[in-house]
Amino acid sequence: MKFLTYKLLLLLFGVAVFVPASFGANLSGSISVNETSDTAANAKINAVNSARRQILSGVLSQYSNKDALNELIKNTSNDDLMNLVSSSSVANEQMSSNSYSAKITMNIDNDVTKKWLTENNVQNWIPLAENSERFTVLMVVSNGIQDWAELKRVVRDDNIEIETQSIVGNQIVAKMPLTYRTKFTAAVKNAGWKFADNGGVLQIWK
């Protein structure tokens, strides 16, 4: 809270503030599993399914509402959860006639997972992958803190992902996923803001 207040005070006094974006974070996790079943093949299937659920829960709980996330994971099939994993690897694999153990590492697809959480109404702030298509937004906040607070409320209420790039005087530059452009313009219009496209940059003001 103190850091946010400090940034906004700088904004009002016309000082440039540059905020590093969190795009491009790699979501991955590893876990050791040990399962038994009637056959080694079934034990392996159970181990992989268990590892996937535990990794998704452990990693994504850092970027979303934990209780809502775990409820969603519990009620989602193994096949659907597989779609959230972009790649995986196995180390220290051991098998017997009815058991399987290994250390399993999985890489989570940022964009697919973010879409899945958003569609299921789980609040999240998963950073998009570096190669995600984004557009630039120039927000003119003539009333400083009051306008900035209103814009933050708009994007929060509509679960819109926005990454602040810089604050210079009364202008805020941000990046946003291209898929959110229509939703964002509708949200700010409903809040009484005006907008225009300026060479691919979305400019909004009151």
N, C-alpha and C. Protein backbone atom coordinates (compact mmCIF):
# COMPACT_ATOMS: atom_id res chain seq x y z
N MET A 1 0.83 -1.20 0.00
CA MET A 1 0.00 0.00 0.00
C MET A 1 0.87 1.26 0.00
N LYS A 2 1.95 1.25 0.80
CA LYS A 2 2.84 2.40 0.86
C LYS A 2 3.51 2.62 -0.49
N PHE A 3 3.89 1.51 -1.17
CA PHE A 3 4.56 1.62 -2.45
C PHE A 3 3.63 2.20 -3.51
N LEU A 4 2.36 1.75 -3.51
CA LEU A 4 1.39 2.27 -4.45
C LEU A 4 1.16 3.76 -4.22
N THR A 5 1.01 4.16 -2.95
CA THR A 5 0.81 5.57 -2.63
C THR A 5 1.99 6.41 -3.09
N TYR A 6 3.18 5.86 -2.91
CA TYR A 6 4.39 6.57 -3.31
C TYR A 6 4.42 6.78 -4.82
N LYS A 7 4.03 5.75 -5.59
CA LYS A 7 4.01 5.88 -7.03
C LYS A 7 3.01 6.93 -7.47
N LEU A 8 1.86 6.96 -6.85
CA LEU A 8 0.82 7.90 -7.23
C LEU A 8 1.21 9.33 -6.87
N LEU A 9 1.91 9.50 -5.77
CA LEU A 9 2.39 10.83 -5.40
C LEU A 9 3.41 11.33 -6.42
N LEU A 10 4.26 10.41 -6.87
CA LEU A 10 5.22 10.77 -7.90
C LEU A 10 4.50 11.18 -9.18
N LEU A 11 3.44 10.47 -9.51
CA LEU A 11 2.66 10.77 -10.69
C LEU A 11 2.14 12.21 -10.63
N LEU A 12 1.60 12.59 -9.47
CA LEU A 12 1.01 13.92 -9.33
C LEU A 12 2.05 15.01 -9.44
N PHE A 13 3.29 14.71 -9.08
CA PHE A 13 4.34 15.72 -9.15
C PHE A 13 5.10 15.67 -10.47
N GLY A 14 4.62 14.86 -11.42
CA GLY A 14 5.19 14.86 -12.75
C GLY A 14 6.51 14.12 -12.87
N VAL A 15 6.79 13.20 -12.00
CA VAL A 15 8.03 12.43 -12.05
C VAL A 15 7.78 11.12 -12.78
N ALA A 16 8.72 10.73 -13.63
CA ALA A 16 8.56 9.49 -14.38
C ALA A 16 8.83 8.29 -13.49
N VAL A 17 7.94 7.32 -13.54
CA VAL A 17 8.11 6.09 -12.77
C VAL A 17 8.04 4.92 -13.74
N PHE A 18 9.02 4.06 -13.73
CA PHE A 18 9.02 2.90 -14.61
C PHE A 18 8.81 1.65 -13.77
N VAL A 19 7.81 0.86 -14.19
CA VAL A 19 7.43 -0.32 -13.43
C VAL A 19 7.74 -1.55 -14.27
N PRO A 20 8.60 -2.45 -13.82
CA PRO A 20 8.91 -3.64 -14.62
C PRO A 20 7.70 -4.52 -14.77
N ALA A 21 7.49 -5.03 -15.98
CA ALA A 21 6.36 -5.92 -16.24
C ALA A 21 6.73 -7.34 -15.85
N SER A 22 5.69 -8.16 -15.56
CA SER A 22 5.94 -9.54 -15.15
C SER A 22 5.66 -10.53 -16.25
N PHE A 23 5.54 -10.05 -17.51
CA PHE A 23 5.29 -10.96 -18.61
C PHE A 23 6.47 -11.92 -18.77
N GLY A 24 6.19 -13.12 -19.22
CA GLY A 24 7.24 -14.05 -19.56
C GLY A 24 7.67 -14.97 -18.45
N ALA A 25 7.01 -14.94 -17.30
CA ALA A 25 7.39 -15.84 -16.22
C ALA A 25 7.11 -17.28 -16.62
N ASN A 26 8.03 -18.17 -16.31
CA ASN A 26 7.85 -19.58 -16.62
C ASN A 26 7.20 -20.28 -15.43
N LEU A 27 6.06 -20.88 -15.67
CA LEU A 27 5.36 -21.61 -14.61
C LEU A 27 5.70 -23.09 -14.71
N SER A 28 6.40 -23.59 -13.71
CA SER A 28 6.78 -25.00 -13.72
C SER A 28 6.95 -25.49 -12.29
N GLY A 29 6.88 -26.79 -12.12
CA GLY A 29 7.05 -27.38 -10.80
C GLY A 29 7.48 -28.83 -10.90
N SER A 30 8.07 -29.33 -9.81
CA SER A 30 8.53 -30.72 -9.76
C SER A 30 8.03 -31.37 -8.48
N ILE A 31 7.80 -32.66 -8.55
CA ILE A 31 7.35 -33.39 -7.36
C ILE A 31 7.74 -34.85 -7.49
N SER A 32 8.06 -35.48 -6.38
CA SER A 32 8.35 -36.91 -6.35
C SER A 32 7.08 -37.67 -5.98
N VAL A 33 6.79 -38.71 -6.74
CA VAL A 33 5.56 -39.48 -6.51
C VAL A 33 5.89 -40.96 -6.38
N ASN A 34 5.03 -41.66 -5.67
CA ASN A 34 5.19 -43.11 -5.47
C ASN A 34 3.79 -43.71 -5.39
N GLU A 35 3.41 -44.51 -6.38
CA GLU A 35 2.06 -45.07 -6.44
C GLU A 35 2.12 -46.58 -6.63
N THR A 36 1.12 -47.26 -6.08
CA THR A 36 0.95 -48.70 -6.31
C THR A 36 -0.43 -48.94 -6.88
N SER A 37 -0.56 -50.03 -7.67
CA SER A 37 -1.84 -50.40 -8.26
C SER A 37 -1.77 -51.87 -8.65
N ASP A 38 -2.75 -52.34 -9.42
CA ASP A 38 -2.76 -53.74 -9.80
C ASP A 38 -1.65 -54.06 -10.80
N THR A 39 -1.25 -53.04 -11.59
CA THR A 39 -0.14 -53.22 -12.53
C THR A 39 0.76 -51.98 -12.48
N ALA A 40 1.97 -52.14 -12.98
CA ALA A 40 2.90 -51.02 -13.01
C ALA A 40 2.39 -49.91 -13.93
N ALA A 41 1.74 -50.30 -15.02
CA ALA A 41 1.21 -49.31 -15.97
C ALA A 41 0.15 -48.43 -15.32
N ASN A 42 -0.76 -49.05 -14.57
CA ASN A 42 -1.80 -48.28 -13.88
C ASN A 42 -1.21 -47.42 -12.77
N ALA A 43 -0.18 -47.96 -12.10
CA ALA A 43 0.49 -47.17 -11.06
C ALA A 43 1.13 -45.92 -11.66
N LYS A 44 1.70 -46.05 -12.87
CA LYS A 44 2.31 -44.91 -13.53
C LYS A 44 1.25 -43.88 -13.90
N ILE A 45 0.13 -44.32 -14.44
CA ILE A 45 -0.96 -43.41 -14.80
C ILE A 45 -1.42 -42.63 -13.58
N ASN A 46 -1.61 -43.35 -12.47
CA ASN A 46 -2.05 -42.70 -11.23
C ASN A 46 -1.02 -41.70 -10.73
N ALA A 47 0.25 -42.07 -10.86
CA ALA A 47 1.33 -41.19 -10.39
C ALA A 47 1.38 -39.90 -11.19
N VAL A 48 1.27 -40.02 -12.51
CA VAL A 48 1.32 -38.84 -13.37
C VAL A 48 0.12 -37.93 -13.12
N ASN A 49 -1.07 -38.53 -12.98
CA ASN A 49 -2.27 -37.74 -12.70
C ASN A 49 -2.17 -37.02 -11.35
N SER A 50 -1.63 -37.73 -10.37
CA SER A 50 -1.46 -37.13 -9.04
C SER A 50 -0.44 -36.00 -9.08
N ALA A 51 0.66 -36.23 -9.79
CA ALA A 51 1.71 -35.21 -9.90
C ALA A 51 1.16 -33.95 -10.57
N ARG A 52 0.38 -34.15 -11.61
CA ARG A 52 -0.18 -33.01 -12.34
C ARG A 52 -1.05 -32.15 -11.43
N ARG A 53 -1.93 -32.79 -10.68
CA ARG A 53 -2.82 -32.03 -9.79
C ARG A 53 -2.03 -31.31 -8.70
N GLN A 54 -1.02 -31.97 -8.15
CA GLN A 54 -0.24 -31.34 -7.08
C GLN A 54 0.60 -30.18 -7.60
N ILE A 55 1.17 -30.34 -8.79
CA ILE A 55 1.99 -29.27 -9.37
C ILE A 55 1.12 -28.07 -9.73
N LEU A 56 -0.03 -28.33 -10.36
CA LEU A 56 -0.93 -27.23 -10.71
C LEU A 56 -1.37 -26.47 -9.47
N SER A 57 -1.72 -27.20 -8.42
CA SER A 57 -2.15 -26.56 -7.18
C SER A 57 -1.02 -25.75 -6.57
N GLY A 58 0.16 -26.33 -6.49
CA GLY A 58 1.29 -25.67 -5.85
C GLY A 58 1.75 -24.43 -6.59
N VAL A 59 1.83 -24.53 -7.92
CA VAL A 59 2.34 -23.41 -8.72
C VAL A 59 1.29 -22.31 -8.87
N LEU A 60 0.07 -22.70 -9.23
CA LEU A 60 -0.96 -21.71 -9.54
C LEU A 60 -1.52 -21.02 -8.30
N SER A 61 -1.34 -21.62 -7.14
CA SER A 61 -1.84 -20.97 -5.91
C SER A 61 -1.09 -19.67 -5.63
N GLN A 62 0.08 -19.50 -6.25
CA GLN A 62 0.84 -18.26 -6.10
C GLN A 62 0.27 -17.14 -6.97
N TYR A 63 -0.59 -17.51 -7.93
CA TYR A 63 -1.10 -16.54 -8.89
C TYR A 63 -2.62 -16.49 -8.94
N SER A 64 -3.30 -17.08 -7.97
CA SER A 64 -4.76 -17.10 -8.03
C SER A 64 -5.33 -17.32 -6.63
N ASN A 65 -6.64 -17.22 -6.54
CA ASN A 65 -7.33 -17.50 -5.29
C ASN A 65 -7.19 -18.99 -4.98
N LYS A 66 -6.50 -19.33 -3.90
CA LYS A 66 -6.12 -20.72 -3.64
C LYS A 66 -7.32 -21.64 -3.44
N ASP A 67 -8.29 -21.20 -2.65
CA ASP A 67 -9.45 -22.06 -2.37
C ASP A 67 -10.26 -22.33 -3.63
N ALA A 68 -10.51 -21.27 -4.42
CA ALA A 68 -11.27 -21.44 -5.66
C ALA A 68 -10.50 -22.30 -6.65
N LEU A 69 -9.18 -22.12 -6.68
CA LEU A 69 -8.33 -22.91 -7.58
C LEU A 69 -8.42 -24.39 -7.25
N ASN A 70 -8.22 -24.74 -5.98
CA ASN A 70 -8.22 -26.16 -5.60
C ASN A 70 -9.58 -26.81 -5.80
N GLU A 71 -10.65 -26.04 -5.62
CA GLU A 71 -11.99 -26.57 -5.87
C GLU A 71 -12.16 -26.87 -7.36
N LEU A 72 -11.64 -25.98 -8.20
CA LEU A 72 -11.73 -26.18 -9.65
C LEU A 72 -10.90 -27.38 -10.08
N ILE A 73 -9.68 -27.51 -9.55
CA ILE A 73 -8.83 -28.65 -9.90
C ILE A 73 -9.50 -29.95 -9.49
N LYS A 74 -10.10 -29.97 -8.32
CA LYS A 74 -10.76 -31.18 -7.82
C LYS A 74 -11.90 -31.61 -8.74
N ASN A 75 -12.59 -30.65 -9.33
CA ASN A 75 -13.76 -30.95 -10.14
C ASN A 75 -13.46 -31.01 -11.64
N THR A 76 -12.18 -30.99 -12.01
CA THR A 76 -11.78 -31.05 -13.42
C THR A 76 -11.16 -32.41 -13.72
N SER A 77 -11.51 -32.97 -14.86
CA SER A 77 -11.02 -34.30 -15.23
C SER A 77 -9.53 -34.28 -15.52
N ASN A 78 -8.91 -35.45 -15.42
CA ASN A 78 -7.49 -35.57 -15.73
C ASN A 78 -7.20 -35.17 -17.17
N ASP A 79 -8.10 -35.54 -18.09
CA ASP A 79 -7.90 -35.20 -19.50
C ASP A 79 -7.89 -33.70 -19.72
N ASP A 80 -8.79 -32.98 -19.05
CA ASP A 80 -8.84 -31.53 -19.21
C ASP A 80 -7.63 -30.86 -18.56
N LEU A 81 -7.16 -31.40 -17.44
CA LEU A 81 -5.98 -30.83 -16.79
C LEU A 81 -4.73 -31.03 -17.64
N MET A 82 -4.72 -32.10 -18.43
CA MET A 82 -3.57 -32.34 -19.31
C MET A 82 -3.37 -31.17 -20.27
N ASN A 83 -4.46 -30.52 -20.67
CA ASN A 83 -4.36 -29.42 -21.63
C ASN A 83 -3.63 -28.21 -21.07
N LEU A 84 -3.49 -28.15 -19.73
CA LEU A 84 -2.83 -27.01 -19.11
C LEU A 84 -1.32 -27.17 -19.06
N VAL A 85 -0.83 -28.36 -19.36
CA VAL A 85 0.60 -28.66 -19.27
C VAL A 85 1.20 -28.67 -20.67
N SER A 86 2.20 -27.83 -20.90
CA SER A 86 2.82 -27.74 -22.22
C SER A 86 3.88 -28.80 -22.45
N SER A 87 4.57 -29.22 -21.39
CA SER A 87 5.60 -30.26 -21.51
C SER A 87 5.90 -30.83 -20.14
N SER A 88 6.51 -32.02 -20.13
CA SER A 88 6.87 -32.65 -18.85
C SER A 88 8.10 -33.52 -19.04
N SER A 89 8.75 -33.83 -17.94
CA SER A 89 9.93 -34.71 -17.97
C SER A 89 9.94 -35.56 -16.72
N VAL A 90 10.64 -36.70 -16.80
CA VAL A 90 10.67 -37.67 -15.71
C VAL A 90 12.11 -38.00 -15.36
N ALA A 91 12.42 -38.07 -14.08
CA ALA A 91 13.76 -38.45 -13.62
C ALA A 91 13.62 -39.48 -12.50
N ASN A 92 14.67 -40.25 -12.29
CA ASN A 92 14.73 -41.26 -11.21
C ASN A 92 13.54 -42.23 -11.26
N GLU A 93 13.19 -42.64 -12.45
CA GLU A 93 12.02 -43.52 -12.62
C GLU A 93 12.33 -44.95 -12.17
N GLN A 94 11.44 -45.50 -11.35
CA GLN A 94 11.58 -46.89 -10.90
C GLN A 94 10.22 -47.58 -10.96
N MET A 95 10.24 -48.84 -11.42
CA MET A 95 9.00 -49.60 -11.57
C MET A 95 9.18 -51.02 -11.04
N SER A 96 8.10 -51.56 -10.49
CA SER A 96 8.06 -52.98 -10.12
C SER A 96 6.80 -53.55 -10.75
N SER A 97 6.40 -54.72 -10.35
CA SER A 97 5.22 -55.33 -10.95
C SER A 97 3.94 -54.55 -10.66
N ASN A 98 3.91 -53.82 -9.54
CA ASN A 98 2.68 -53.10 -9.19
C ASN A 98 2.93 -51.70 -8.60
N SER A 99 4.13 -51.16 -8.84
CA SER A 99 4.42 -49.83 -8.28
C SER A 99 5.20 -48.98 -9.27
N TYR A 100 5.15 -47.71 -9.02
CA TYR A 100 5.87 -46.76 -9.89
C TYR A 100 6.27 -45.55 -9.05
N SER A 101 7.52 -45.11 -9.21
CA SER A 101 7.99 -43.92 -8.52
C SER A 101 8.90 -43.13 -9.46
N ALA A 102 8.88 -41.81 -9.30
CA ALA A 102 9.70 -40.95 -10.15
C ALA A 102 9.63 -39.52 -9.64
N LYS A 103 10.53 -38.69 -10.14
CA LYS A 103 10.44 -37.25 -9.94
C LYS A 103 9.92 -36.66 -11.25
N ILE A 104 8.77 -36.02 -11.19
CA ILE A 104 8.11 -35.52 -12.40
C ILE A 104 8.13 -33.99 -12.40
N THR A 105 8.55 -33.43 -13.52
CA THR A 105 8.56 -31.98 -13.71
C THR A 105 7.59 -31.62 -14.82
N MET A 106 6.79 -30.60 -14.59
CA MET A 106 5.81 -30.17 -15.60
C MET A 106 5.90 -28.67 -15.81
N ASN A 107 5.80 -28.26 -17.09
CA ASN A 107 5.75 -26.86 -17.46
C ASN A 107 4.31 -26.50 -17.82
N ILE A 108 3.80 -25.45 -17.21
CA ILE A 108 2.40 -25.06 -17.37
C ILE A 108 2.27 -24.00 -18.46
N ASP A 109 1.29 -24.16 -19.32
CA ASP A 109 1.02 -23.20 -20.39
C ASP A 109 0.33 -21.97 -19.79
N ASN A 110 1.04 -20.85 -19.75
CA ASN A 110 0.50 -19.64 -19.13
C ASN A 110 -0.84 -19.22 -19.70
N ASP A 111 -0.90 -19.09 -21.02
CA ASP A 111 -2.08 -18.51 -21.65
C ASP A 111 -3.29 -19.42 -21.56
N VAL A 112 -3.08 -20.72 -21.82
CA VAL A 112 -4.19 -21.67 -21.74
C VAL A 112 -4.74 -21.74 -20.31
N THR A 113 -3.83 -21.75 -19.35
CA THR A 113 -4.24 -21.83 -17.94
C THR A 113 -4.96 -20.57 -17.49
N LYS A 114 -4.46 -19.43 -17.91
CA LYS A 114 -5.12 -18.17 -17.55
C LYS A 114 -6.54 -18.13 -18.10
N LYS A 115 -6.70 -18.56 -19.36
CA LYS A 115 -8.02 -18.59 -19.97
C LYS A 115 -8.95 -19.53 -19.22
N TRP A 116 -8.42 -20.70 -18.83
CA TRP A 116 -9.20 -21.70 -18.09
C TRP A 116 -9.67 -21.14 -16.75
N LEU A 117 -8.79 -20.50 -16.03
CA LEU A 117 -9.15 -19.93 -14.73
C LEU A 117 -10.18 -18.80 -14.89
N THR A 118 -9.95 -17.94 -15.86
CA THR A 118 -10.85 -16.81 -16.08
C THR A 118 -12.24 -17.29 -16.46
N GLU A 119 -12.31 -18.27 -17.35
CA GLU A 119 -13.61 -18.80 -17.78
C GLU A 119 -14.36 -19.47 -16.64
N ASN A 120 -13.62 -19.94 -15.64
CA ASN A 120 -14.25 -20.59 -14.49
C ASN A 120 -14.34 -19.65 -13.28
N ASN A 121 -14.20 -18.36 -13.55
CA ASN A 121 -14.40 -17.32 -12.53
C ASN A 121 -13.46 -17.45 -11.33
N VAL A 122 -12.23 -17.89 -11.59
CA VAL A 122 -11.22 -17.94 -10.54
C VAL A 122 -10.31 -16.72 -10.71
N GLN A 123 -10.34 -15.82 -9.75
CA GLN A 123 -9.52 -14.61 -9.84
C GLN A 123 -8.05 -15.01 -9.93
N ASN A 124 -7.34 -14.42 -10.87
CA ASN A 124 -5.93 -14.79 -11.05
C ASN A 124 -5.14 -13.63 -11.63
N TRP A 125 -3.83 -13.73 -11.45
CA TRP A 125 -2.91 -12.72 -12.01
C TRP A 125 -1.72 -13.45 -12.62
N ILE A 126 -2.02 -14.47 -13.40
CA ILE A 126 -0.99 -15.24 -14.07
C ILE A 126 -0.33 -14.38 -15.15
N PRO A 127 0.99 -14.25 -15.14
CA PRO A 127 1.67 -13.48 -16.19
C PRO A 127 1.59 -14.23 -17.51
N LEU A 128 1.30 -13.51 -18.59
CA LEU A 128 1.22 -14.13 -19.89
C LEU A 128 2.61 -14.48 -20.42
N ALA A 129 2.65 -15.43 -21.32
CA ALA A 129 3.92 -15.83 -21.91
C ALA A 129 4.50 -14.69 -22.74
N GLU A 130 5.80 -14.70 -22.90
CA GLU A 130 6.49 -13.60 -23.58
C GLU A 130 6.01 -13.43 -25.02
N ASN A 131 5.57 -14.53 -25.65
CA ASN A 131 5.16 -14.44 -27.04
C ASN A 131 3.68 -14.12 -27.21
N SER A 132 2.98 -13.81 -26.13
CA SER A 132 1.57 -13.47 -26.22
C SER A 132 1.40 -12.12 -26.92
N GLU A 133 0.39 -12.04 -27.78
CA GLU A 133 0.13 -10.79 -28.47
C GLU A 133 -0.45 -9.78 -27.49
N ARG A 134 0.14 -8.59 -27.46
CA ARG A 134 -0.31 -7.55 -26.54
C ARG A 134 -0.41 -6.23 -27.30
N PHE A 135 -1.16 -5.31 -26.74
CA PHE A 135 -1.24 -3.98 -27.31
C PHE A 135 -0.96 -2.96 -26.22
N THR A 136 -0.64 -1.74 -26.65
CA THR A 136 -0.27 -0.68 -25.73
C THR A 136 -1.48 0.22 -25.44
N VAL A 137 -1.61 0.61 -24.18
CA VAL A 137 -2.67 1.51 -23.76
C VAL A 137 -2.03 2.77 -23.16
N LEU A 138 -2.47 3.92 -23.61
CA LEU A 138 -2.03 5.20 -23.04
C LEU A 138 -3.21 5.79 -22.29
N MET A 139 -3.09 5.85 -20.97
CA MET A 139 -4.17 6.35 -20.13
C MET A 139 -3.83 7.73 -19.60
N VAL A 140 -4.66 8.70 -19.94
CA VAL A 140 -4.46 10.07 -19.47
C VAL A 140 -5.33 10.28 -18.22
N VAL A 141 -4.66 10.47 -17.08
CA VAL A 141 -5.38 10.59 -15.80
C VAL A 141 -5.28 12.03 -15.31
N SER A 142 -6.15 12.87 -15.83
CA SER A 142 -6.10 14.30 -15.52
C SER A 142 -6.28 14.57 -14.03
N ASN A 143 -7.08 13.72 -13.36
CA ASN A 143 -7.34 13.92 -11.93
C ASN A 143 -6.44 13.04 -11.06
N GLY A 144 -5.34 12.58 -11.62
CA GLY A 144 -4.35 11.85 -10.84
C GLY A 144 -4.86 10.62 -10.13
N ILE A 145 -4.74 10.61 -8.81
CA ILE A 145 -5.08 9.45 -7.99
C ILE A 145 -6.52 9.03 -8.20
N GLN A 146 -7.43 9.97 -8.31
CA GLN A 146 -8.85 9.64 -8.46
C GLN A 146 -9.11 8.85 -9.74
N ASP A 147 -8.55 9.32 -10.87
CA ASP A 147 -8.73 8.62 -12.15
C ASP A 147 -8.04 7.27 -12.14
N TRP A 148 -6.83 7.22 -11.60
CA TRP A 148 -6.07 5.96 -11.57
C TRP A 148 -6.79 4.92 -10.72
N ALA A 149 -7.34 5.33 -9.59
CA ALA A 149 -8.08 4.41 -8.74
C ALA A 149 -9.32 3.88 -9.46
N GLU A 150 -9.97 4.75 -10.23
CA GLU A 150 -11.16 4.32 -10.97
C GLU A 150 -10.80 3.29 -12.04
N LEU A 151 -9.71 3.54 -12.75
CA LEU A 151 -9.28 2.59 -13.78
C LEU A 151 -8.89 1.24 -13.18
N LYS A 152 -8.22 1.27 -12.06
CA LYS A 152 -7.85 0.03 -11.39
C LYS A 152 -9.10 -0.75 -10.97
N ARG A 153 -10.11 -0.02 -10.53
CA ARG A 153 -11.36 -0.68 -10.15
C ARG A 153 -12.04 -1.30 -11.36
N VAL A 154 -12.02 -0.58 -12.49
CA VAL A 154 -12.65 -1.09 -13.71
C VAL A 154 -12.01 -2.40 -14.15
N VAL A 155 -10.68 -2.43 -14.21
CA VAL A 155 -10.01 -3.64 -14.68
C VAL A 155 -10.15 -4.78 -13.66
N ARG A 156 -10.19 -4.43 -12.37
CA ARG A 156 -10.35 -5.46 -11.35
C ARG A 156 -11.75 -6.07 -11.42
N ASP A 157 -12.77 -5.22 -11.54
CA ASP A 157 -14.14 -5.71 -11.57
C ASP A 157 -14.41 -6.58 -12.80
N ASP A 158 -13.73 -6.28 -13.90
CA ASP A 158 -13.94 -7.06 -15.13
C ASP A 158 -12.87 -8.12 -15.34
N ASN A 159 -12.04 -8.35 -14.31
CA ASN A 159 -11.01 -9.39 -14.35
C ASN A 159 -10.13 -9.25 -15.59
N ILE A 160 -9.66 -8.04 -15.84
CA ILE A 160 -8.83 -7.75 -17.01
C ILE A 160 -7.37 -7.68 -16.58
N GLU A 161 -6.52 -8.36 -17.33
CA GLU A 161 -5.08 -8.37 -17.04
C GLU A 161 -4.42 -7.14 -17.65
N ILE A 162 -3.74 -6.35 -16.83
CA ILE A 162 -3.06 -5.15 -17.32
C ILE A 162 -1.70 -5.05 -16.64
N GLU A 163 -0.68 -4.68 -17.42
CA GLU A 163 0.68 -4.56 -16.91
C GLU A 163 1.17 -3.12 -17.09
N THR A 164 1.36 -2.40 -15.99
CA THR A 164 1.83 -1.02 -16.05
C THR A 164 3.29 -0.99 -16.49
N GLN A 165 3.59 -0.18 -17.50
CA GLN A 165 4.95 -0.04 -18.01
C GLN A 165 5.64 1.20 -17.46
N SER A 166 4.92 2.33 -17.47
CA SER A 166 5.52 3.57 -16.98
C SER A 166 4.44 4.56 -16.59
N ILE A 167 4.81 5.48 -15.70
CA ILE A 167 3.94 6.58 -15.29
C ILE A 167 4.76 7.86 -15.44
N VAL A 168 4.31 8.74 -16.34
CA VAL A 168 5.01 9.99 -16.60
C VAL A 168 4.00 11.13 -16.53
N GLY A 169 4.13 11.97 -15.52
CA GLY A 169 3.18 13.06 -15.36
C GLY A 169 1.78 12.50 -15.16
N ASN A 170 0.85 12.93 -16.03
CA ASN A 170 -0.52 12.44 -15.92
C ASN A 170 -0.82 11.36 -16.95
N GLN A 171 0.22 10.71 -17.47
CA GLN A 171 0.03 9.67 -18.47
C GLN A 171 0.59 8.34 -17.97
N ILE A 172 -0.20 7.30 -18.13
CA ILE A 172 0.21 5.95 -17.74
C ILE A 172 0.24 5.08 -18.99
N VAL A 173 1.36 4.42 -19.21
CA VAL A 173 1.49 3.51 -20.34
C VAL A 173 1.44 2.08 -19.80
N ALA A 174 0.60 1.26 -20.42
CA ALA A 174 0.44 -0.13 -19.97
C ALA A 174 0.35 -1.06 -21.17
N LYS A 175 0.58 -2.35 -20.91
CA LYS A 175 0.41 -3.40 -21.91
C LYS A 175 -0.75 -4.28 -21.49
N MET A 176 -1.45 -4.81 -22.50
CA MET A 176 -2.61 -5.64 -22.23
C MET A 176 -2.72 -6.72 -23.30
N PRO A 177 -3.17 -7.93 -22.94
CA PRO A 177 -3.37 -8.97 -23.95
C PRO A 177 -4.34 -8.50 -25.03
N LEU A 178 -4.03 -8.82 -26.28
CA LEU A 178 -4.86 -8.38 -27.39
C LEU A 178 -6.30 -8.88 -27.25
N THR A 179 -6.46 -10.06 -26.66
CA THR A 179 -7.80 -10.63 -26.52
C THR A 179 -8.68 -9.84 -25.55
N TYR A 180 -8.07 -8.93 -24.75
CA TYR A 180 -8.83 -8.14 -23.79
C TYR A 180 -9.24 -6.78 -24.35
N ARG A 181 -8.82 -6.45 -25.56
CA ARG A 181 -9.03 -5.09 -26.07
C ARG A 181 -10.51 -4.72 -26.12
N THR A 182 -11.34 -5.58 -26.72
CA THR A 182 -12.77 -5.27 -26.83
C THR A 182 -13.41 -5.17 -25.45
N LYS A 183 -13.07 -6.10 -24.56
CA LYS A 183 -13.63 -6.10 -23.22
C LYS A 183 -13.22 -4.85 -22.45
N PHE A 184 -11.96 -4.45 -22.60
CA PHE A 184 -11.45 -3.29 -21.89
C PHE A 184 -12.11 -2.00 -22.38
N THR A 185 -12.20 -1.82 -23.70
CA THR A 185 -12.81 -0.60 -24.23
C THR A 185 -14.28 -0.50 -23.82
N ALA A 186 -14.97 -1.63 -23.79
CA ALA A 186 -16.37 -1.62 -23.35
C ALA A 186 -16.47 -1.22 -21.88
N ALA A 187 -15.53 -1.72 -21.06
CA ALA A 187 -15.55 -1.45 -19.62
C ALA A 187 -15.28 0.03 -19.34
N VAL A 188 -14.27 0.60 -20.00
CA VAL A 188 -13.95 2.01 -19.74
C VAL A 188 -15.04 2.93 -20.31
N LYS A 189 -15.65 2.53 -21.43
CA LYS A 189 -16.74 3.32 -22.00
C LYS A 189 -17.93 3.37 -21.04
N ASN A 190 -18.25 2.22 -20.45
CA ASN A 190 -19.35 2.16 -19.48
C ASN A 190 -19.05 2.99 -18.24
N ALA A 191 -17.75 3.17 -17.95
CA ALA A 191 -17.34 3.97 -16.78
C ALA A 191 -17.24 5.45 -17.10
N GLY A 192 -17.58 5.83 -18.35
CA GLY A 192 -17.59 7.25 -18.71
C GLY A 192 -16.32 7.77 -19.35
N TRP A 193 -15.41 6.87 -19.76
CA TRP A 193 -14.16 7.28 -20.38
C TRP A 193 -14.32 7.30 -21.90
N LYS A 194 -13.49 8.11 -22.57
CA LYS A 194 -13.44 8.15 -24.02
C LYS A 194 -12.20 7.40 -24.48
N PHE A 195 -12.22 6.93 -25.73
CA PHE A 195 -11.05 6.20 -26.23
C PHE A 195 -10.92 6.39 -27.73
N ALA A 196 -9.70 6.20 -28.21
CA ALA A 196 -9.42 6.30 -29.64
C ALA A 196 -8.17 5.51 -29.96
N ASP A 197 -8.10 5.01 -31.18
CA ASP A 197 -6.91 4.29 -31.63
C ASP A 197 -5.96 5.28 -32.27
N ASN A 198 -4.74 5.30 -31.79
CA ASN A 198 -3.74 6.23 -32.30
C ASN A 198 -2.53 5.43 -32.80
N GLY A 199 -2.61 5.00 -34.05
CA GLY A 199 -1.52 4.22 -34.63
C GLY A 199 -1.30 2.89 -33.96
N GLY A 200 -2.38 2.25 -33.52
CA GLY A 200 -2.29 0.96 -32.85
C GLY A 200 -2.24 1.06 -31.34
N VAL A 201 -2.02 2.27 -30.82
CA VAL A 201 -2.02 2.51 -29.38
C VAL A 201 -3.42 2.96 -28.97
N LEU A 202 -3.99 2.27 -28.00
CA LEU A 202 -5.30 2.65 -27.50
C LEU A 202 -5.14 3.77 -26.49
N GLN A 203 -5.70 4.93 -26.77
CA GLN A 203 -5.62 6.06 -25.85
C GLN A 203 -6.97 6.26 -25.19
N ILE A 204 -6.98 6.40 -23.85
CA ILE A 204 -8.22 6.63 -23.13
C ILE A 204 -8.05 7.86 -22.24
N TRP A 205 -9.15 8.62 -22.10
CA TRP A 205 -9.15 9.83 -21.30
C TRP A 205 -10.58 10.17 -20.90
N LYS A 206 -10.71 11.13 -20.01
CA LYS A 206 -12.03 11.62 -19.61
C LYS A 206 -12.24 13.03 -20.10
